[in-house]
Structure formats: C-alpha cells, structure tokens
C-alpha cells in the first residue's frame, strides 16, 4: 500500500474544497443563502395567507388578519429569543433567517388547513 505524505493530503483537501459548493465556503455565503430561503418562505406565506383569506367571510377575514399580525409579532419575538446566544456573531444572520424560515413554514401549514377546508366542516372558520 502506498503512503501519502502531508503534501498529498493538502493537495487532496484543496481539490475537495475547490469542488465544494460556494455556499459551503464562507459564512457570508451561508448567511445570504439562508436569507434567500427565508424570503422565499415569506413569499409562500403571503400566497397562502391570501388563499386562506379569500375563503373567509368578511368577519372571519378580519379575525385572520388580526391573528396574522399577532403571529408575525410572535415569530419575530421567538426568533429574537432563539438567536440570543449568537447575537453579534458572524453566524447570527444565518441562524435568524433559519428560525424565521422554520416558523414561517409552520404557519404556512396552519393556513393551508383553512384553504383545504371542505364545505360543512364545523372545525373550519367561515
């Protein structure tokens, strides 16, 4: 079996890094990717919110709007809490964006249940 020296190890690592995705190379790139994913989740949330709202009566639409505003305040406060340990660090933007994305995806699932309600389902808002 042939033994490889330290120099060969360095060359192998350089080759591996050069083929790695750019997002895995720098914290700034990971932060930017996480921000894009959070924005995409927010856009999906807006779409789902509009779809859910369209199915509701005017009175229920107002209740949903108020609930959504309260949920946004909760989401932002929750992510402020969850990211307190990394605040000020280079990974903070990534951790914050990941939190926002995760909670937003949960809310999208909640709103999709309203959109999927069948006529006569008493558990669904009208």
Protein backbone atom coordinates (compact mmCIF):
# COMPACT_ATOMS: atom_id res chain seq x y z
CA UNK A 1 0.00 0.00 0.00
CA UNK A 2 1.33 3.39 -0.95
CA UNK A 3 1.61 6.03 1.77
CA UNK A 4 0.76 9.62 1.05
CA UNK A 5 2.58 12.43 2.76
CA UNK A 6 1.34 15.67 4.22
CA UNK A 7 1.74 17.47 0.87
CA UNK A 8 -0.57 14.95 -0.83
CA UNK A 9 -3.13 15.47 1.90
CA UNK A 10 -3.05 19.24 1.36
CA UNK A 11 -3.48 18.79 -2.40
CA UNK A 12 -6.41 16.42 -1.85
CA UNK A 13 -8.08 18.87 0.55
CA UNK A 14 -7.59 21.76 -1.89
CA UNK A 15 -9.21 19.72 -4.67
CA UNK A 16 -12.13 18.81 -2.43
CA UNK A 17 -12.66 22.42 -1.41
CA UNK A 18 -12.49 23.67 -4.96
CA UNK A 19 -15.34 21.35 -5.92
CA UNK A 20 -17.45 22.20 -2.86
CA UNK A 21 -20.47 24.44 -3.41
CA UNK A 22 -19.78 28.13 -2.89
CA UNK A 23 -22.45 28.30 -0.17
CA UNK A 24 -20.38 25.97 1.99
CA UNK A 25 -17.22 28.05 1.72
CA UNK A 26 -17.93 31.25 3.58
CA UNK A 27 -20.19 32.37 6.38
CA UNK A 28 -21.28 35.33 4.26
CA UNK A 29 -22.45 32.97 1.53
CA UNK A 30 -24.29 30.78 4.04
CA UNK A 31 -25.92 33.90 5.50
CA UNK A 32 -27.03 35.01 2.04
CA UNK A 33 -28.46 31.58 1.22
CA UNK A 34 -30.40 31.47 4.49
CA UNK A 35 -31.76 34.97 3.82
CA UNK A 36 -32.95 33.91 0.34
CA UNK A 37 -34.67 30.86 1.81
CA UNK A 38 -36.38 32.98 4.48
CA UNK A 39 -37.60 35.45 1.83
CA UNK A 40 -38.94 32.57 -0.27
CA UNK A 41 -40.81 31.20 2.75
CA UNK A 42 -42.23 34.67 3.42
CA UNK A 43 -43.46 34.92 -0.18
CA UNK A 44 -45.07 31.48 0.12
CA UNK A 45 -46.69 32.61 3.38
CA UNK A 46 -48.18 35.66 1.68
CA UNK A 47 -49.60 33.48 -1.08
CA UNK A 48 -51.08 31.01 1.40
CA UNK A 49 -52.49 33.82 3.55
CA UNK A 50 -54.28 35.34 0.54
CA UNK A 51 -55.70 31.94 -0.42
CA UNK A 52 -56.96 31.31 3.11
CA UNK A 53 -58.36 34.81 3.42
CA UNK A 54 -60.26 34.50 0.14
CA UNK A 55 -62.29 31.59 1.54
CA UNK A 56 -63.49 33.50 4.59
CA UNK A 57 -66.39 35.77 5.33
CA UNK A 58 -65.53 39.44 5.90
CA UNK A 59 -65.82 38.99 9.69
CA UNK A 60 -63.54 35.94 9.71
CA UNK A 61 -61.15 37.66 7.32
CA UNK A 62 -60.73 40.44 9.90
CA UNK A 63 -60.09 37.87 12.63
CA UNK A 64 -57.49 36.15 10.45
CA UNK A 65 -55.79 39.48 9.72
CA UNK A 66 -55.55 40.22 13.46
CA UNK A 67 -54.29 36.71 14.18
CA UNK A 68 -51.70 37.00 11.40
CA UNK A 69 -50.41 40.30 12.77
CA UNK A 70 -50.12 38.75 16.23
CA UNK A 71 -48.42 35.69 14.77
CA UNK A 72 -45.83 37.86 12.99
CA UNK A 73 -45.06 39.62 16.28
CA UNK A 74 -44.76 36.22 17.98
CA UNK A 75 -42.49 34.84 15.22
CA UNK A 76 -40.16 37.80 15.39
CA UNK A 77 -40.01 37.74 19.20
CA UNK A 78 -39.46 33.96 19.23
CA UNK A 79 -36.58 34.23 16.78
CA UNK A 80 -35.07 37.08 18.80
CA UNK A 81 -35.17 34.77 21.81
CA UNK A 82 -33.84 31.72 19.96
CA UNK A 83 -30.91 33.62 18.45
CA UNK A 84 -29.81 35.42 21.61
CA UNK A 85 -26.83 33.11 22.03
CA UNK A 86 -25.31 34.05 18.65
CA UNK A 87 -26.25 37.73 18.56
CA UNK A 88 -23.30 39.75 17.35
CA UNK A 89 -21.56 36.74 15.79
CA UNK A 90 -20.93 36.11 12.13
CA UNK A 91 -23.45 33.23 12.06
CA UNK A 92 -26.25 35.34 13.56
CA UNK A 93 -27.86 36.29 10.22
CA UNK A 94 -27.95 32.64 9.15
CA UNK A 95 -29.38 31.41 12.45
CA UNK A 96 -32.00 34.17 12.50
CA UNK A 97 -33.05 33.55 8.90
CA UNK A 98 -33.29 29.81 9.57
CA UNK A 99 -35.54 30.45 12.56
CA UNK A 100 -37.76 32.79 10.54
CA UNK A 101 -37.98 30.25 7.73
CA UNK A 102 -38.85 27.37 10.06
CA UNK A 103 -41.61 29.23 11.90
CA UNK A 104 -42.95 30.64 8.63
CA UNK A 105 -43.19 27.15 7.14
CA UNK A 106 -45.14 26.04 10.22
CA UNK A 107 -47.56 28.94 9.71
CA UNK A 108 -47.95 28.06 6.03
CA UNK A 109 -49.07 24.57 7.08
CA UNK A 110 -51.56 26.08 9.52
CA UNK A 111 -53.03 28.38 6.88
CA UNK A 112 -53.16 25.59 4.30
CA UNK A 113 -55.62 23.77 6.55
CA UNK A 114 -58.01 26.72 6.16
CA UNK A 115 -57.61 26.61 2.40
CA UNK A 116 -58.28 22.86 2.36
CA UNK A 117 -61.43 23.02 4.47
CA UNK A 118 -64.39 21.29 2.95
CA UNK A 119 -67.86 22.78 2.96
CA UNK A 120 -69.72 21.88 6.15
CA UNK A 121 -66.61 21.14 8.25
CA UNK A 122 -67.53 22.70 11.59
CA UNK A 123 -63.87 22.83 12.68
CA UNK A 124 -63.09 25.33 9.93
CA UNK A 125 -63.59 29.07 10.15
CA UNK A 126 -66.08 30.56 7.75
